[in-house]
Amino acid sequence: MRSADEEFRRQCERSILRGVDNRIRFGWFRNPNPVKDLGVNRAFETMEAYRRFCEENYPEYYGYARPAAPVP
């Protein structure tokens, strides 16, 4: 049985052997964005309103969440 590191290395080696067209084709994926895909433009009065909108409408893993408070 191969370790995860060995399998990852083999995948990288296979990727390098692909042509540029295939690397581009397989290197990108579309991540649907249910809020932005609605095609509605939004404007906010304040940055606070924008941040609140993002927190309420986007999952945290999209990167719109506020950073955690630093630990003193």
PDB file of N, CA and C in Angstrom:
ATOM      1  N   MET A   1       0.837  -1.178   0.000  1.00  0.00           N
ATOM      2  CA  MET A   1       0.000   0.000   0.000  1.00  0.00           C
ATOM      3  C   MET A   1       0.886   1.246   0.000  1.00  0.00           C
ATOM      4  N   ARG A   2       0.523   2.208  -0.844  1.00  0.00           N
ATOM      5  CA  ARG A   2       1.295   3.438  -0.944  1.00  0.00           C
ATOM      6  C   ARG A   2       0.854   4.446   0.105  1.00  0.00           C
ATOM      7  N   SER A   3       1.809   5.234   0.540  1.00  0.00           N
ATOM      8  CA  SER A   3       1.458   6.309   1.473  1.00  0.00           C
ATOM      9  C   SER A   3       0.808   7.452   0.689  1.00  0.00           C
ATOM     10  N   ALA A   4       0.171   8.350   1.409  1.00  0.00           N
ATOM     11  CA  ALA A   4      -0.470   9.499   0.765  1.00  0.00           C
ATOM     12  C   ALA A   4       0.575  10.364   0.064  1.00  0.00           C
ATOM     13  N   ASP A   5       1.761  10.492   0.656  1.00  0.00           N
ATOM     14  CA  ASP A   5       2.832  11.281   0.029  1.00  0.00           C
ATOM     15  C   ASP A   5       3.274  10.663  -1.288  1.00  0.00           C
ATOM     16  N   GLU A   6       3.418   9.346  -1.311  1.00  0.00           N
ATOM     17  CA  GLU A   6       3.826   8.663  -2.547  1.00  0.00           C
ATOM     18  C   GLU A   6       2.762   8.820  -3.630  1.00  0.00           C
ATOM     19  N   GLU A   7       1.514   8.697  -3.256  1.00  0.00           N
ATOM     20  CA  GLU A   7       0.431   8.839  -4.231  1.00  0.00           C
ATOM     21  C   GLU A   7       0.380  10.272  -4.767  1.00  0.00           C
ATOM     22  N   PHE A   8       0.555  11.252  -3.899  1.00  0.00           N
ATOM     23  CA  PHE A   8       0.569  12.643  -4.340  1.00  0.00           C
ATOM     24  C   PHE A   8       1.732  12.887  -5.310  1.00  0.00           C
ATOM     25  N   ARG A   9       2.888  12.351  -4.996  1.00  0.00           N
ATOM     26  CA  ARG A   9       4.053  12.494  -5.878  1.00  0.00           C
ATOM     27  C   ARG A   9       3.772  11.884  -7.252  1.00  0.00           C
ATOM     28  N   ARG A  10       3.140  10.720  -7.283  1.00  0.00           N
ATOM     29  CA  ARG A  10       2.818  10.074  -8.564  1.00  0.00           C
ATOM     30  C   ARG A  10       1.815  10.921  -9.360  1.00  0.00           C
ATOM     31  N   GLN A  11       0.840  11.511  -8.684  1.00  0.00           N
ATOM     32  CA  GLN A  11      -0.115  12.372  -9.376  1.00  0.00           C
ATOM     33  C   GLN A  11       0.590  13.587  -9.972  1.00  0.00           C
ATOM     34  N   CYS A  12       1.527  14.160  -9.231  1.00  0.00           N
ATOM     35  CA  CYS A  12       2.291  15.312  -9.742  1.00  0.00           C
ATOM     36  C   CYS A  12       3.110  14.911 -10.962  1.00  0.00           C
ATOM     37  N   GLU A  13       3.737  13.760 -10.912  1.00  0.00           N
ATOM     38  CA  GLU A  13       4.539  13.295 -12.044  1.00  0.00           C
ATOM     39  C   GLU A  13       3.670  13.072 -13.279  1.00  0.00           C
ATOM     40  N   ARG A  14       2.484  12.495 -13.092  1.00  0.00           N
ATOM     41  CA  ARG A  14       1.568  12.308 -14.226  1.00  0.00           C
ATOM     42  C   ARG A  14       1.124  13.651 -14.791  1.00  0.00           C
ATOM     43  N   SER A  15       0.885  14.607 -13.915  1.00  0.00           N
ATOM     44  CA  SER A  15       0.453  15.932 -14.349  1.00  0.00           C
ATOM     45  C   SER A  15       1.520  16.610 -15.204  1.00  0.00           C
ATOM     46  N   ILE A  16       2.766  16.466 -14.819  1.00  0.00           N
ATOM     47  CA  ILE A  16       3.869  17.087 -15.560  1.00  0.00           C
ATOM     48  C   ILE A  16       3.973  16.513 -16.969  1.00  0.00           C
ATOM     49  N   LEU A  17       3.612  15.251 -17.134  1.00  0.00           N
ATOM     50  CA  LEU A  17       3.716  14.602 -18.444  1.00  0.00           C
ATOM     51  C   LEU A  17       2.593  15.022 -19.397  1.00  0.00           C
ATOM     52  N   ARG A  18       1.540  15.615 -18.892  1.00  0.00           N
ATOM     53  CA  ARG A  18       0.441  16.052 -19.758  1.00  0.00           C
ATOM     54  C   ARG A  18       0.869  17.259 -20.585  1.00  0.00           C
ATOM     55  N   GLY A  19       0.220  17.417 -21.725  1.00  0.00           N
ATOM     56  CA  GLY A  19       0.454  18.590 -22.546  1.00  0.00           C
ATOM     57  C   GLY A  19      -0.157  19.829 -21.908  1.00  0.00           C
ATOM     58  N   VAL A  20       0.236  20.998 -22.392  1.00  0.00           N
ATOM     59  CA  VAL A  20      -0.249  22.248 -21.817  1.00  0.00           C
ATOM     60  C   VAL A  20      -1.775  22.341 -21.900  1.00  0.00           C
ATOM     61  N   ASP A  21      -2.352  21.965 -23.041  1.00  0.00           N
ATOM     62  CA  ASP A  21      -3.808  22.047 -23.188  1.00  0.00           C
ATOM     63  C   ASP A  21      -4.525  21.231 -22.118  1.00  0.00           C
ATOM     64  N   ASN A  22      -4.048  20.022 -21.882  1.00  0.00           N
ATOM     65  CA  ASN A  22      -4.688  19.184 -20.866  1.00  0.00           C
ATOM     66  C   ASN A  22      -4.439  19.702 -19.457  1.00  0.00           C
ATOM     67  N   ARG A  23      -3.264  20.242 -19.206  1.00  0.00           N
ATOM     68  CA  ARG A  23      -3.007  20.792 -17.874  1.00  0.00           C
ATOM     69  C   ARG A  23      -3.930  21.965 -17.586  1.00  0.00           C
ATOM     70  N   ILE A  24      -4.158  22.797 -18.581  1.00  0.00           N
ATOM     71  CA  ILE A  24      -5.089  23.918 -18.402  1.00  0.00           C
ATOM     72  C   ILE A  24      -6.500  23.394 -18.217  1.00  0.00           C
ATOM     73  N   ARG A  25      -6.894  22.438 -19.053  1.00  0.00           N
ATOM     74  CA  ARG A  25      -8.252  21.890 -18.982  1.00  0.00           C
ATOM     75  C   ARG A  25      -8.540  21.235 -17.635  1.00  0.00           C
ATOM     76  N   PHE A  26      -7.581  20.477 -17.121  1.00  0.00           N
ATOM     77  CA  PHE A  26      -7.798  19.759 -15.868  1.00  0.00           C
ATOM     78  C   PHE A  26      -7.382  20.572 -14.643  1.00  0.00           C
ATOM     79  N   GLY A  27      -6.749  21.709 -14.827  1.00  0.00           N
ATOM     80  CA  GLY A  27      -6.244  22.476 -13.704  1.00  0.00           C
ATOM     81  C   GLY A  27      -7.222  23.491 -13.150  1.00  0.00           C
ATOM     82  N   TRP A  28      -8.344  23.690 -13.821  1.00  0.00           N
ATOM     83  CA  TRP A  28      -9.321  24.683 -13.384  1.00  0.00           C
ATOM     84  C   TRP A  28     -10.670  24.026 -13.190  1.00  0.00           C
ATOM     85  N   PHE A  29     -11.400  24.496 -12.244  1.00  0.00           N
ATOM     86  CA  PHE A  29     -12.768  24.023 -12.058  1.00  0.00           C
ATOM     87  C   PHE A  29     -13.631  25.221 -11.687  1.00  0.00           C
ATOM     88  N   ARG A  30     -14.888  25.107 -11.980  1.00  0.00           N
ATOM     89  CA  ARG A  30     -15.814  26.190 -11.647  1.00  0.00           C
ATOM     90  C   ARG A  30     -16.452  25.893 -10.310  1.00  0.00           C
ATOM     91  N   ASN A  31     -16.275  26.815  -9.394  1.00  0.00           N
ATOM     92  CA  ASN A  31     -16.891  26.687  -8.084  1.00  0.00           C
ATOM     93  C   ASN A  31     -18.130  27.576  -8.083  1.00  0.00           C
ATOM     94  N   PRO A  32     -19.317  27.002  -8.141  1.00  0.00           N
ATOM     95  CA  PRO A  32     -20.514  27.834  -8.208  1.00  0.00           C
ATOM     96  C   PRO A  32     -20.621  28.749  -6.992  1.00  0.00           C
ATOM     97  N   ASN A  33     -21.033  29.952  -7.233  1.00  0.00           N
ATOM     98  CA  ASN A  33     -21.207  30.933  -6.172  1.00  0.00           C
ATOM     99  C   ASN A  33     -22.680  31.343  -6.187  1.00  0.00           C
ATOM    100  N   PRO A  34     -23.473  30.799  -5.274  1.00  0.00           N
ATOM    101  CA  PRO A  34     -24.915  31.022  -5.334  1.00  0.00           C
ATOM    102  C   PRO A  34     -25.324  32.485  -5.193  1.00  0.00           C
ATOM    103  N   VAL A  35     -24.504  33.317  -4.582  1.00  0.00           N
ATOM    104  CA  VAL A  35     -24.866  34.727  -4.418  1.00  0.00           C
ATOM    105  C   VAL A  35     -24.478  35.521  -5.650  1.00  0.00           C
ATOM    106  N   LYS A  36     -23.233  35.399  -6.093  1.00  0.00           N
ATOM    107  CA  LYS A  36     -22.773  36.168  -7.249  1.00  0.00           C
ATOM    108  C   LYS A  36     -23.396  35.684  -8.556  1.00  0.00           C
ATOM    109  N   ASP A  37     -23.716  34.406  -8.648  1.00  0.00           N
ATOM    110  CA  ASP A  37     -24.277  33.863  -9.885  1.00  0.00           C
ATOM    111  C   ASP A  37     -25.693  34.373 -10.174  1.00  0.00           C
ATOM    112  N   LEU A  38     -26.299  35.061  -9.234  1.00  0.00           N
ATOM    113  CA  LEU A  38     -27.629  35.616  -9.469  1.00  0.00           C
ATOM    114  C   LEU A  38     -27.582  36.772 -10.462  1.00  0.00           C
ATOM    115  N   GLY A  39     -26.407  37.345 -10.684  1.00  0.00           N
ATOM    116  CA  GLY A  39     -26.257  38.430 -11.647  1.00  0.00           C
ATOM    117  C   GLY A  39     -26.786  39.764 -11.148  1.00  0.00           C
ATOM    118  N   VAL A  40     -26.886  39.904  -9.847  1.00  0.00           N
ATOM    119  CA  VAL A  40     -27.382  41.147  -9.264  1.00  0.00           C
ATOM    120  C   VAL A  40     -26.189  41.943  -8.744  1.00  0.00           C
ATOM    121  N   ASN A  41     -26.094  43.211  -9.165  1.00  0.00           N
ATOM    122  CA  ASN A  41     -25.049  44.072  -8.622  1.00  0.00           C
ATOM    123  C   ASN A  41     -25.545  44.680  -7.322  1.00  0.00           C
ATOM    124  N   ARG A  42     -24.649  44.795  -6.381  1.00  0.00           N
ATOM    125  CA  ARG A  42     -25.019  45.334  -5.078  1.00  0.00           C
ATOM    126  C   ARG A  42     -24.080  46.480  -4.714  1.00  0.00           C
ATOM    127  N   ALA A  43     -24.607  47.458  -4.021  1.00  0.00           N
ATOM    128  CA  ALA A  43     -23.812  48.545  -3.476  1.00  0.00           C
ATOM    129  C   ALA A  43     -24.177  48.669  -1.998  1.00  0.00           C
ATOM    130  N   PHE A  44     -23.200  48.988  -1.196  1.00  0.00           N
ATOM    131  CA  PHE A  44     -23.410  49.061   0.237  1.00  0.00           C
ATOM    132  C   PHE A  44     -23.040  50.452   0.728  1.00  0.00           C
ATOM    133  N   GLU A  45     -23.797  50.924   1.700  1.00  0.00           N
ATOM    134  CA  GLU A  45     -23.546  52.247   2.266  1.00  0.00           C
ATOM    135  C   GLU A  45     -22.249  52.279   3.059  1.00  0.00           C
ATOM    136  N   THR A  46     -21.956  51.183   3.752  1.00  0.00           N
ATOM    137  CA  THR A  46     -20.759  51.141   4.587  1.00  0.00           C
ATOM    138  C   THR A  46     -20.054  49.801   4.430  1.00  0.00           C
ATOM    139  N   MET A  47     -18.804  49.771   4.838  1.00  0.00           N
ATOM    140  CA  MET A  47     -18.054  48.516   4.834  1.00  0.00           C
ATOM    141  C   MET A  47     -18.674  47.535   5.818  1.00  0.00           C
ATOM    142  N   GLU A  48     -19.205  48.044   6.907  1.00  0.00           N
ATOM    143  CA  GLU A  48     -19.859  47.187   7.892  1.00  0.00           C
ATOM    144  C   GLU A  48     -21.058  46.466   7.270  1.00  0.00           C
ATOM    145  N   ALA A  49     -21.843  47.177   6.469  1.00  0.00           N
ATOM    146  CA  ALA A  49     -22.997  46.564   5.802  1.00  0.00           C
ATOM    147  C   ALA A  49     -22.531  45.484   4.830  1.00  0.00           C
ATOM    148  N   TYR A  50     -21.442  45.754   4.108  1.00  0.00           N
ATOM    149  CA  TYR A  50     -20.890  44.758   3.184  1.00  0.00           C
ATOM    150  C   TYR A  50     -20.421  43.520   3.934  1.00  0.00           C
ATOM    151  N   ARG A  51     -19.699  43.712   5.019  1.00  0.00           N
ATOM    152  CA  ARG A  51     -19.201  42.569   5.801  1.00  0.00           C
ATOM    153  C   ARG A  51     -20.350  41.756   6.376  1.00  0.00           C
ATOM    154  N   ARG A  52     -21.372  42.433   6.867  1.00  0.00           N
ATOM    155  CA  ARG A  52     -22.535  41.728   7.411  1.00  0.00           C
ATOM    156  C   ARG A  52     -23.222  40.905   6.314  1.00  0.00           C
ATOM    157  N   PHE A  53     -23.370  41.493   5.119  1.00  0.00           N
ATOM    158  CA  PHE A  53     -23.964  40.773   3.992  1.00  0.00           C
ATOM    159  C   PHE A  53     -23.160  39.506   3.682  1.00  0.00           C
ATOM    160  N   CYS A  54     -21.839  39.646   3.618  1.00  0.00           N
ATOM    161  CA  CYS A  54     -20.986  38.490   3.310  1.00  0.00           C
ATOM    162  C   CYS A  54     -21.123  37.406   4.370  1.00  0.00           C
ATOM    163  N   GLU A  55     -21.121  37.808   5.634  1.00  0.00           N
ATOM    164  CA  GLU A  55     -21.244  36.823   6.708  1.00  0.00           C
ATOM    165  C   GLU A  55     -22.573  36.084   6.654  1.00  0.00           C
ATOM    166  N   GLU A  56     -23.611  36.766   6.232  1.00  0.00           N
ATOM    167  CA  GLU A  56     -24.941  36.146   6.201  1.00  0.00           C
ATOM    168  C   GLU A  56     -25.190  35.317   4.944  1.00  0.00           C
ATOM    169  N   ASN A  57     -24.430  35.571   3.872  1.00  0.00           N
ATOM    170  CA  ASN A  57     -24.747  34.942   2.593  1.00  0.00           C
ATOM    171  C   ASN A  57     -23.682  34.000   2.042  1.00  0.00           C
ATOM    172  N   TYR A  58     -22.473  34.067   2.561  1.00  0.00           N
ATOM    173  CA  TYR A  58     -21.394  33.228   2.038  1.00  0.00           C
ATOM    174  C   TYR A  58     -20.922  32.244   3.092  1.00  0.00           C
ATOM    175  N   PRO A  59     -20.589  31.017   2.679  1.00  0.00           N
ATOM    176  CA  PRO A  59     -19.965  30.103   3.635  1.00  0.00           C
ATOM    177  C   PRO A  59     -18.571  30.632   4.000  1.00  0.00           C
ATOM    178  N   GLU A  60     -18.114  30.315   5.171  1.00  0.00           N
ATOM    179  CA  GLU A  60     -16.826  30.834   5.652  1.00  0.00           C
ATOM    180  C   GLU A  60     -15.666  30.433   4.748  1.00  0.00           C
ATOM    181  N   TYR A  61     -15.735  29.237   4.156  1.00  0.00           N
ATOM    182  CA  TYR A  61     -14.618  28.772   3.333  1.00  0.00           C
ATOM    183  C   TYR A  61     -14.455  29.552   2.030  1.00  0.00           C
ATOM    184  N   TYR A  62     -15.394  30.426   1.675  1.00  0.00           N
ATOM    185  CA  TYR A  62     -15.223  31.277   0.495  1.00  0.00           C
ATOM    186  C   TYR A  62     -14.219  32.391   0.758  1.00  0.00           C
ATOM    187  N   GLY A  63     -13.910  32.642   2.031  1.00  0.00           N
ATOM    188  CA  GLY A  63     -12.898  33.626   2.357  1.00  0.00           C
ATOM    189  C   GLY A  63     -13.436  35.013   2.654  1.00  0.00           C
ATOM    190  N   TYR A  64     -14.739  35.166   2.799  1.00  0.00           N
ATOM    191  CA  TYR A  64     -15.316  36.473   3.095  1.00  0.00           C
ATOM    192  C   TYR A  64     -15.532  36.703   4.581  1.00  0.00           C
ATOM    193  N   ALA A  65     -15.188  35.750   5.412  1.00  0.00           N
ATOM    194  CA  ALA A  65     -15.394  35.895   6.853  1.00  0.00           C
ATOM    195  C   ALA A  65     -14.352  36.838   7.440  1.00  0.00           C
ATOM    196  N   ARG A  66     -14.728  37.476   8.525  1.00  0.00           N
ATOM    197  CA  ARG A  66     -13.760  38.344   9.211  1.00  0.00           C
ATOM    198  C   ARG A  66     -12.706  37.477   9.888  1.00  0.00           C
ATOM    199  N   PRO A  67     -11.507  37.970   9.981  1.00  0.00           N
ATOM    200  CA  PRO A  67     -10.478  37.194  10.672  1.00  0.00           C
ATOM    201  C   PRO A  67     -10.795  37.075  12.160  1.00  0.00           C
ATOM    202  N   ALA A  68     -10.356  36.009  12.748  1.00  0.00           N
ATOM    203  CA  ALA A  68     -10.566  35.821  14.174  1.00  0.00           C
ATOM    204  C   ALA A  68      -9.748  36.848  14.946  1.00  0.00           C
ATOM    205  N   ALA A  69     -10.242  37.209  16.107  1.00  0.00           N
ATOM    206  CA  ALA A  69      -9.514  38.159  16.947  1.00  0.00           C
ATOM    207  C   ALA A  69      -8.206  37.542  17.406  1.00  0.00           C
ATOM    208  N   PRO A  70      -7.129  38.317  17.399  1.00  0.00           N
ATOM    209  CA  PRO A  70      -5.841  37.753  17.843  1.00  0.00           C
ATOM    210  C   PRO A  70      -5.887  37.388  19.322  1.00  0.00           C
ATOM    211  N   VAL A  71      -5.179  36.337  19.658  1.00  0.00           N
ATOM    212  CA  VAL A  71      -5.107  35.900  21.042  1.00  0.00           C
ATOM    213  C   VAL A  71      -4.045  36.739  21.741  1.00  0.00           C
ATOM    214  N   PRO A  72      -4.405  37.374  22.882  1.00  0.00           N
ATOM    215  CA  PRO A  72      -3.413  38.232  23.569  1.00  0.00           C
ATOM    216  C   PRO A  72      -2.296  37.431  24.196  1.00  0.00           C
TER     217      PRO A  72
END
